[in-house]
Amino acid sequence: MTVRIAEHGPIAVVTLDRPDRRNAVDHATLRELLAIQGDLGPRTPKEIRAVVLTGAPPAFSAGADLHGVERGAFASDLHAVLTGFGRLPVPVIAAIDGPALGAGTQLALASDLRVATPGSIFGIPAARLGICVDHWTIRRLTNEFSLPVAKGMLVGCENYDASRLHALGAVQRLGDLAAAIDWARELAALAPLTLATHKLGLEFAEPEGDIVAEFEAALERTWSSADADEGRNAFIEKRPARFIGE
């Protein structure tokens, strides 16, 4: 198992549990997260009033596990996991301690609220790997972290620590897992239907809309490029990538 779940009364704590891989997300992780979302769904909000998503030390998640990751089924299941947290009618709090890179940042974005230790690092290093993120992630990153931060991460390939994001409002609270669970307990005592309706309204306030055909074509072209192969191979072989732009 790469994900474990523990329940503390009305609080479900979902933990990415691949510490030897710094909780890198592989396809098995995605399938387990989808199963957990499916199990929790019917129990919310009557039994489960809040969910805390975290990672086993030493990281929240170092990103997608690039060993064998391709665009097809992995990408579609990742999208299903990300949007699945939004469909849960209870608050989802990401408790981040350590790196939250690539898919780690995407999971943080998929959560309603974020609690992080000050030195935790967020970023999407796709340009170092010759791959790119989907339109959902770009839209969510822009809305949740701001357009300047989105440009910094996606075009500047810049990382941001939690203290910097907290000053911008992108991380709501600085703290550890215990602080996130305490906040979840506070939220669990609030009116569940009110929270569910507000959460639904917020999801509708960020409609996915039509993906521009030009972007979708560019996305497919990037993932099938020689540079994408080079980026993955360089990462696995622990060497600098040599990109050629095709």
C-alpha atoms as a PDB file:
ATOM      1  CA  MET A   1       0.000   0.000   0.000  1.00  0.00           C
ATOM      2  CA  THR A   2       1.274   3.474  -0.885  1.00  0.00           C
ATOM      3  CA  VAL A   3      -1.481   5.405   0.930  1.00  0.00           C
ATOM      4  CA  ARG A   4      -2.834   4.889   4.426  1.00  0.00           C
ATOM      5  CA  ILE A   5      -5.886   6.350   6.106  1.00  0.00           C
ATOM      6  CA  ALA A   6      -6.607   6.870   9.785  1.00  0.00           C
ATOM      7  CA  GLU A   7      -9.799   8.204  11.308  1.00  0.00           C
ATOM      8  CA  HIS A   8      -9.894  10.401  14.385  1.00  0.00           C
ATOM      9  CA  GLY A   9     -13.594  10.742  15.078  1.00  0.00           C
ATOM     10  CA  PRO A  10     -15.011  12.872  12.230  1.00  0.00           C
ATOM     11  CA  ILE A  11     -11.535  13.555  10.794  1.00  0.00           C
ATOM     12  CA  ALA A  12      -9.968  11.335   8.127  1.00  0.00           C
ATOM     13  CA  VAL A  13      -6.197  11.674   7.739  1.00  0.00           C
ATOM     14  CA  VAL A  14      -4.970  10.430   4.368  1.00  0.00           C
ATOM     15  CA  THR A  15      -1.198   9.911   4.238  1.00  0.00           C
ATOM     16  CA  LEU A  16       0.979   9.348   1.180  1.00  0.00           C
ATOM     17  CA  ASP A  17       3.278   6.598   2.406  1.00  0.00           C
ATOM     18  CA  ARG A  18       6.269   6.016   0.135  1.00  0.00           C
ATOM     19  CA  PRO A  19       8.998   7.578   2.295  1.00  0.00           C
ATOM     20  CA  ASP A  20      11.772   5.772   0.414  1.00  0.00           C
ATOM     21  CA  ARG A  21      10.613   7.641  -2.739  1.00  0.00           C
ATOM     22  CA  ARG A  22       9.806  10.847  -0.827  1.00  0.00           C
ATOM     23  CA  ASN A  23       6.147  10.045  -1.490  1.00  0.00           C
ATOM     24  CA  ALA A  24       6.502  10.338  -5.245  1.00  0.00           C
ATOM     25  CA  VAL A  25       3.149   9.612  -6.843  1.00  0.00           C
ATOM     26  CA  ASP A  26       3.032   6.510  -9.026  1.00  0.00           C
ATOM     27  CA  HIS A  27       0.003   4.926 -10.683  1.00  0.00           C
ATOM     28  CA  ALA A  28      -0.645   2.662  -7.705  1.00  0.00           C
ATOM     29  CA  THR A  29      -0.822   5.738  -5.481  1.00  0.00           C
ATOM     30  CA  LEU A  30      -3.399   7.323  -7.770  1.00  0.00           C
ATOM     31  CA  ARG A  31      -5.550   4.186  -7.788  1.00  0.00           C
ATOM     32  CA  GLU A  32      -5.440   4.007  -3.988  1.00  0.00           C
ATOM     33  CA  LEU A  33      -6.374   7.683  -3.674  1.00  0.00           C
ATOM     34  CA  LEU A  34      -9.294   7.169  -6.053  1.00  0.00           C
ATOM     35  CA  ALA A  35     -10.468   4.207  -3.963  1.00  0.00           C
ATOM     36  CA  ILE A  36     -10.210   6.241  -0.760  1.00  0.00           C
ATOM     37  CA  GLN A  37     -12.173   9.100  -2.313  1.00  0.00           C
ATOM     38  CA  GLY A  38     -14.822   6.600  -3.411  1.00  0.00           C
ATOM     39  CA  ASP A  39     -15.058   5.148   0.096  1.00  0.00           C
ATOM     40  CA  LEU A  40     -15.177   8.526   1.827  1.00  0.00           C
ATOM     41  CA  GLY A  41     -17.720  10.085  -0.518  1.00  0.00           C
ATOM     42  CA  PRO A  42     -20.873   8.327   0.787  1.00  0.00           C
ATOM     43  CA  ARG A  43     -19.747   8.898   4.396  1.00  0.00           C
ATOM     44  CA  THR A  44     -19.414  12.666   4.048  1.00  0.00           C
ATOM     45  CA  PRO A  45     -20.550  14.867   5.659  1.00  0.00           C
ATOM     46  CA  LYS A  46     -22.513  12.776   8.194  1.00  0.00           C
ATOM     47  CA  GLU A  47     -19.670  10.566   9.463  1.00  0.00           C
ATOM     48  CA  ILE A  48     -16.589  12.305   8.103  1.00  0.00           C
ATOM     49  CA  ARG A  49     -16.627  16.090   8.456  1.00  0.00           C
ATOM     50  CA  ALA A  50     -13.098  16.955   7.271  1.00  0.00           C
ATOM     51  CA  VAL A  51     -10.162  15.351   5.473  1.00  0.00           C
ATOM     52  CA  VAL A  52      -6.468  16.050   6.065  1.00  0.00           C
ATOM     53  CA  LEU A  53      -4.099  15.085   3.256  1.00  0.00           C
ATOM     54  CA  THR A  54      -0.444  14.727   4.202  1.00  0.00           C
ATOM     55  CA  GLY A  55       2.753  12.825   3.452  1.00  0.00           C
ATOM     56  CA  ALA A  56       4.948  10.583   5.572  1.00  0.00           C
ATOM     57  CA  PRO A  57       8.278  12.254   6.471  1.00  0.00           C
ATOM     58  CA  PRO A  58      10.514  13.465   4.892  1.00  0.00           C
ATOM     59  CA  ALA A  59       8.208  15.041   2.282  1.00  0.00           C
ATOM     60  CA  PHE A  60       4.646  15.880   1.374  1.00  0.00           C
ATOM     61  CA  SER A  61       5.352  14.608  -2.148  1.00  0.00           C
ATOM     62  CA  ALA A  62       8.411  15.025  -4.330  1.00  0.00           C
ATOM     63  CA  GLY A  63       6.214  14.814  -7.452  1.00  0.00           C
ATOM     64  CA  ALA A  64       5.211  12.180  -9.949  1.00  0.00           C
ATOM     65  CA  ASP A  65       7.329   9.037 -10.014  1.00  0.00           C
ATOM     66  CA  LEU A  66       8.857   9.342 -13.477  1.00  0.00           C
ATOM     67  CA  HIS A  67       9.686   5.644 -13.714  1.00  0.00           C
ATOM     68  CA  GLY A  68       7.199   4.629 -16.393  1.00  0.00           C
ATOM     69  CA  VAL A  69       4.907   7.683 -16.112  1.00  0.00           C
ATOM     70  CA  GLU A  70       3.257   8.476 -19.440  1.00  0.00           C
ATOM     71  CA  ARG A  71       0.564  10.880 -20.576  1.00  0.00           C
ATOM     72  CA  GLY A  72      -2.380   8.450 -21.006  1.00  0.00           C
ATOM     73  CA  ALA A  73      -3.906   6.553 -18.074  1.00  0.00           C
ATOM     74  CA  PHE A  74      -1.627   8.140 -15.471  1.00  0.00           C
ATOM     75  CA  ALA A  75      -2.602  11.662 -16.534  1.00  0.00           C
ATOM     76  CA  SER A  76      -6.315  10.896 -16.633  1.00  0.00           C
ATOM     77  CA  ASP A  77      -6.215   9.227 -13.195  1.00  0.00           C
ATOM     78  CA  LEU A  78      -4.196  12.128 -11.776  1.00  0.00           C
ATOM     79  CA  HIS A  79      -6.836  14.548 -13.053  1.00  0.00           C
ATOM     80  CA  ALA A  80      -9.563  12.386 -11.496  1.00  0.00           C
ATOM     81  CA  VAL A  81      -7.783  12.430  -8.126  1.00  0.00           C
ATOM     82  CA  LEU A  82      -7.257  16.192  -8.204  1.00  0.00           C
ATOM     83  CA  THR A  83     -10.855  16.990  -9.088  1.00  0.00           C
ATOM     84  CA  GLY A  84     -12.103  14.248  -6.744  1.00  0.00           C
ATOM     85  CA  PHE A  85     -10.941  16.167  -3.683  1.00  0.00           C
ATOM     86  CA  GLY A  86     -13.004  19.115  -4.894  1.00  0.00           C
ATOM     87  CA  ARG A  87     -16.090  16.927  -5.180  1.00  0.00           C
ATOM     88  CA  LEU A  88     -15.901  15.744  -1.564  1.00  0.00           C
ATOM     89  CA  PRO A  89     -18.520  17.864   0.279  1.00  0.00           C
ATOM     90  CA  VAL A  90     -16.235  18.477   3.268  1.00  0.00           C
ATOM     91  CA  PRO A  91     -13.135  20.635   3.786  1.00  0.00           C
ATOM     92  CA  VAL A  92      -9.904  19.049   2.559  1.00  0.00           C
ATOM     93  CA  ILE A  93      -6.801  20.432   4.271  1.00  0.00           C
ATOM     94  CA  ALA A  94      -3.330  19.745   2.899  1.00  0.00           C
ATOM     95  CA  ALA A  95      -0.785  19.414   5.736  1.00  0.00           C
ATOM     96  CA  ILE A  96       2.582  20.024   4.117  1.00  0.00           C
ATOM     97  CA  ASP A  97       5.968  19.448   5.723  1.00  0.00           C
ATOM     98  CA  GLY A  98       8.898  19.311   3.343  1.00  0.00           C
ATOM     99  CA  PRO A  99       8.937  19.314  -0.460  1.00  0.00           C
ATOM    100  CA  ALA A 100       5.643  19.548  -2.346  1.00  0.00           C
ATOM    101  CA  LEU A 101       6.901  19.539  -5.908  1.00  0.00           C
ATOM    102  CA  GLY A 102       5.196  18.758  -9.204  1.00  0.00           C
ATOM    103  CA  ALA A 103       2.313  16.440  -8.357  1.00  0.00           C
ATOM    104  CA  GLY A 104       2.850  17.457  -4.724  1.00  0.00           C
ATOM    105  CA  THR A 105       1.985  21.056  -5.565  1.00  0.00           C
ATOM    106  CA  GLN A 106      -0.943  19.799  -7.645  1.00  0.00           C
ATOM    107  CA  LEU A 107      -2.315  17.875  -4.651  1.00  0.00           C
ATOM    108  CA  ALA A 108      -1.883  20.961  -2.480  1.00  0.00           C
ATOM    109  CA  LEU A 109      -3.804  22.969  -5.079  1.00  0.00           C
ATOM    110  CA  ALA A 110      -6.568  20.366  -5.129  1.00  0.00           C
ATOM    111  CA  SER A 111      -7.097  20.833  -1.389  1.00  0.00           C
ATOM    112  CA  ASP A 112      -9.407  23.553  -0.105  1.00  0.00           C
ATOM    113  CA  LEU A 113      -6.977  24.787   2.530  1.00  0.00           C
ATOM    114  CA  ARG A 114      -3.242  24.522   3.152  1.00  0.00           C
ATOM    115  CA  VAL A 115      -1.241  24.326   6.388  1.00  0.00           C
ATOM    116  CA  ALA A 116       2.531  24.138   5.931  1.00  0.00           C
ATOM    117  CA  THR A 117       5.721  24.332   7.925  1.00  0.00           C
ATOM    118  CA  PRO A 118       7.599  27.540   7.053  1.00  0.00           C
ATOM    119  CA  GLY A 119      10.414  25.863   5.137  1.00  0.00           C
ATOM    120  CA  SER A 120       8.207  23.612   2.989  1.00  0.00           C
ATOM    121  CA  ILE A 121       8.901  24.077  -0.705  1.00  0.00           C
ATOM    122  CA  PHE A 122       6.377  24.302  -3.543  1.00  0.00           C
ATOM    123  CA  GLY A 123       7.172  24.230  -7.250  1.00  0.00           C
ATOM    124  CA  ILE A 124       6.448  22.663 -10.619  1.00  0.00           C
ATOM    125  CA  PRO A 125       9.797  21.799 -12.264  1.00  0.00           C
ATOM    126  CA  ALA A 126       8.207  20.551 -15.504  1.00  0.00           C
ATOM    127  CA  ALA A 127      10.527  22.624 -17.695  1.00  0.00           C
ATOM    128  CA  ARG A 128      13.495  20.752 -16.235  1.00  0.00           C
ATOM    129  CA  LEU A 129      11.905  17.467 -17.316  1.00  0.00           C
ATOM    130  CA  GLY A 130      10.607  18.333 -20.793  1.00  0.00           C
ATOM    131  CA  ILE A 131       6.965  17.766 -19.797  1.00  0.00           C
ATOM    132  CA  CYS A 132       4.056  20.075 -18.942  1.00  0.00           C
ATOM    133  CA  VAL A 133       1.011  20.240 -16.684  1.00  0.00           C
ATOM    134  CA  ASP A 134      -2.616  20.221 -17.785  1.00  0.00           C
ATOM    135  CA  HIS A 135      -4.990  23.157 -18.132  1.00  0.00           C
ATOM    136  CA  TRP A 136      -6.709  22.377 -14.796  1.00  0.00           C
ATOM    137  CA  THR A 137      -3.413  22.819 -12.962  1.00  0.00           C
ATOM    138  CA  ILE A 138      -2.585  26.081 -14.740  1.00  0.00           C
ATOM    139  CA  ARG A 139      -6.031  27.510 -13.986  1.00  0.00           C
ATOM    140  CA  ARG A 140      -6.000  26.321 -10.373  1.00  0.00           C
ATOM    141  CA  LEU A 141      -2.455  27.564  -9.777  1.00  0.00           C
ATOM    142  CA  THR A 142      -3.396  30.982 -11.187  1.00  0.00           C
ATOM    143  CA  ASN A 143      -6.544  31.230  -9.055  1.00  0.00           C
ATOM    144  CA  GLU A 144      -5.136  29.821  -5.815  1.00  0.00           C
ATOM    145  CA  PHE A 145      -1.561  31.174  -5.835  1.00  0.00           C
ATOM    146  CA  SER A 146      -1.990  34.226  -8.158  1.00  0.00           C
ATOM    147  CA  LEU A 147      -0.944  34.847 -11.753  1.00  0.00           C
ATOM    148  CA  PRO A 148       2.548  36.155 -10.846  1.00  0.00           C
ATOM    149  CA  VAL A 149       3.296  33.025  -8.793  1.00  0.00           C
ATOM    150  CA  ALA A 150       1.927  30.797 -11.565  1.00  0.00           C
ATOM    151  CA  LYS A 151       4.239  32.497 -14.050  1.00  0.00           C
ATOM    152  CA  GLY A 152       7.135  32.202 -11.616  1.00  0.00           C
ATOM    153  CA  MET A 153       6.582  28.465 -11.184  1.00  0.00           C
ATOM    154  CA  LEU A 154       5.672  27.491 -14.744  1.00  0.00           C
ATOM    155  CA  VAL A 155       7.799  29.873 -16.820  1.00  0.00           C
ATOM    156  CA  GLY A 156      10.504  30.838 -14.340  1.00  0.00           C
ATOM    157  CA  CYS A 157      10.705  27.304 -12.905  1.00  0.00           C
ATOM    158  CA  GLU A 158      10.985  28.992  -9.505  1.00  0.00           C
ATOM    159  CA  ASN A 159      10.257  27.360  -6.161  1.00  0.00           C
ATOM    160  CA  TYR A 160       8.444  29.131  -3.333  1.00  0.00           C
ATOM    161  CA  ASP A 161       8.682  28.379   0.371  1.00  0.00           C
ATOM    162  CA  ALA A 162       5.597  28.265   2.571  1.00  0.00           C
ATOM    163  CA  SER A 163       6.463  31.494   4.389  1.00  0.00           C
ATOM    164  CA  ARG A 164       6.445  33.389   1.106  1.00  0.00           C
ATOM    165  CA  LEU A 165       3.162  31.801   0.011  1.00  0.00           C
ATOM    166  CA  HIS A 166       1.618  32.442   3.428  1.00  0.00           C
ATOM    167  CA  ALA A 167       2.347  36.157   3.009  1.00  0.00           C
ATOM    168  CA  LEU A 168       0.435  35.980  -0.292  1.00  0.00           C
ATOM    169  CA  GLY A 169      -2.509  34.078   1.230  1.00  0.00           C
ATOM    170  CA  ALA A 170      -1.853  30.923  -0.810  1.00  0.00           C
ATOM    171  CA  VAL A 171      -0.972  28.995   2.363  1.00  0.00           C
ATOM    172  CA  GLN A 172      -3.659  29.819   4.913  1.00  0.00           C
ATOM    173  CA  ARG A 173      -1.764  28.813   8.055  1.00  0.00           C
ATOM    174  CA  LEU A 174       1.813  28.015   9.028  1.00  0.00           C
ATOM    175  CA  GLY A 175       2.042  24.883  11.152  1.00  0.00           C
ATOM    176  CA  ASP A 176       2.493  21.132  11.246  1.00  0.00           C
ATOM    177  CA  LEU A 177       0.206  18.114  10.905  1.00  0.00           C
ATOM    178  CA  ALA A 178      -1.101  18.561  14.448  1.00  0.00           C
ATOM    179  CA  ALA A 179      -2.090  22.141  13.617  1.00  0.00           C
ATOM    180  CA  ALA A 180      -3.898  20.923  10.495  1.00  0.00           C
ATOM    181  CA  ILE A 181      -5.803  18.287  12.486  1.00  0.00           C
ATOM    182  CA  ASP A 182      -6.739  20.884  15.115  1.00  0.00           C
ATOM    183  CA  TRP A 183      -8.114  23.123  12.354  1.00  0.00           C
ATOM    184  CA  ALA A 184      -9.989  20.153  10.880  1.00  0.00           C
ATOM    185  CA  ARG A 185     -11.611  19.564  14.270  1.00  0.00           C
ATOM    186  CA  GLU A 186     -12.711  23.196  14.375  1.00  0.00           C
ATOM    187  CA  LEU A 187     -14.252  22.877  10.908  1.00  0.00           C
ATOM    188  CA  ALA A 188     -15.918  19.568  11.821  1.00  0.00           C
ATOM    189  CA  ALA A 189     -17.942  21.412  14.457  1.00  0.00           C
ATOM    190  CA  LEU A 190     -19.374  23.868  11.921  1.00  0.00           C
ATOM    191  CA  ALA A 191     -22.597  23.431   9.935  1.00  0.00           C
ATOM    192  CA  PRO A 192     -21.743  20.714   7.385  1.00  0.00           C
ATOM    193  CA  LEU A 193     -24.388  21.679   4.824  1.00  0.00           C
ATOM    194  CA  THR A 194     -23.191  25.282   4.853  1.00  0.00           C
ATOM    195  CA  LEU A 195     -19.587  24.206   4.234  1.00  0.00           C
ATOM    196  CA  ALA A 196     -20.653  21.755   1.524  1.00  0.00           C
ATOM    197  CA  THR A 197     -22.713  24.409  -0.274  1.00  0.00           C
ATOM    198  CA  HIS A 198     -19.977  27.029  -0.024  1.00  0.00           C
ATOM    199  CA  LYS A 199     -17.424  24.524  -1.296  1.00  0.00           C
ATOM    200  CA  LEU A 200     -19.662  23.598  -4.230  1.00  0.00           C
ATOM    201  CA  GLY A 201     -20.150  27.275  -5.062  1.00  0.00           C
ATOM    202  CA  LEU A 202     -16.407  27.847  -4.996  1.00  0.00           C
ATOM    203  CA  GLU A 203     -15.847  24.925  -7.345  1.00  0.00           C
ATOM    204  CA  PHE A 204     -18.418  26.392  -9.748  1.00  0.00           C
ATOM    205  CA  ALA A 205     -16.694  29.767  -9.423  1.00  0.00           C
ATOM    206  CA  GLU A 206     -13.678  28.152 -11.106  1.00  0.00           C
ATOM    207  CA  PRO A 207     -15.288  26.362 -14.067  1.00  0.00           C
ATOM    208  CA  GLU A 208     -13.003  24.231 -16.183  1.00  0.00           C
ATOM    209  CA  GLY A 209     -14.584  25.598 -19.339  1.00  0.00           C
ATOM    210  CA  ASP A 210     -13.447  24.732 -22.838  1.00  0.00           C
ATOM    211  CA  ILE A 211      -9.780  23.944 -23.206  1.00  0.00           C
ATOM    212  CA  VAL A 212      -8.350  25.901 -26.085  1.00  0.00           C
ATOM    213  CA  ALA A 213      -7.588  23.482 -28.922  1.00  0.00           C
ATOM    214  CA  GLU A 214      -4.217  25.132 -29.511  1.00  0.00           C
ATOM    215  CA  PHE A 215      -3.184  24.458 -25.899  1.00  0.00           C
ATOM    216  CA  GLU A 216      -4.358  20.842 -26.045  1.00  0.00           C
ATOM    217  CA  ALA A 217      -2.337  20.294 -29.229  1.00  0.00           C
ATOM    218  CA  ALA A 218       0.737  21.848 -27.611  1.00  0.00           C
ATOM    219  CA  LEU A 219       0.252  19.655 -24.534  1.00  0.00           C
ATOM    220  CA  GLU A 220       0.168  16.470 -26.603  1.00  0.00           C
ATOM    221  CA  ARG A 221       3.129  17.626 -28.696  1.00  0.00           C
ATOM    222  CA  THR A 222       5.217  18.304 -25.574  1.00  0.00           C
ATOM    223  CA  TRP A 223       4.453  14.964 -23.925  1.00  0.00           C
ATOM    224  CA  SER A 224       5.297  13.024 -27.111  1.00  0.00           C
ATOM    225  CA  SER A 225       8.487  14.976 -27.853  1.00  0.00           C
ATOM    226  CA  ALA A 226      12.070  13.770 -27.850  1.00  0.00           C
ATOM    227  CA  ASP A 227      12.718  16.315 -25.098  1.00  0.00           C
ATOM    228  CA  ALA A 228      10.152  14.605 -22.857  1.00  0.00           C
ATOM    229  CA  ASP A 229      11.950  11.291 -23.329  1.00  0.00           C
ATOM    230  CA  GLU A 230      15.276  12.993 -22.652  1.00  0.00           C
ATOM    231  CA  GLY A 231      13.950  14.671 -19.512  1.00  0.00           C
ATOM    232  CA  ARG A 232      12.704  11.402 -18.033  1.00  0.00           C
ATOM    233  CA  ASN A 233      15.868   9.526 -18.985  1.00  0.00           C
ATOM    234  CA  ALA A 234      18.093  12.248 -17.533  1.00  0.00           C
ATOM    235  CA  PHE A 235      16.115  12.247 -14.288  1.00  0.00           C
ATOM    236  CA  ILE A 236      16.346   8.466 -13.942  1.00  0.00           C
ATOM    237  CA  GLU A 237      20.056   8.455 -14.886  1.00  0.00           C
ATOM    238  CA  LYS A 238      20.743  11.407 -12.538  1.00  0.00           C
ATOM    239  CA  ARG A 239      22.403  13.582 -15.180  1.00  0.00           C
ATOM    240  CA  PRO A 240      21.669  17.004 -16.713  1.00  0.00           C
ATOM    241  CA  ALA A 241      19.136  16.899 -19.514  1.00  0.00           C
ATOM    242  CA  ARG A 242      20.161  17.988 -23.029  1.00  0.00           C
ATOM    243  CA  PHE A 243      17.051  19.495 -24.631  1.00  0.00           C
ATOM    244  CA  ILE A 244      16.885  20.182 -28.363  1.00  0.00           C
ATOM    245  CA  GLY A 245      13.416  21.681 -28.689  1.00  0.00           C
ATOM    246  CA  GLU A 246      11.754  18.846 -30.583  1.00  0.00           C
END
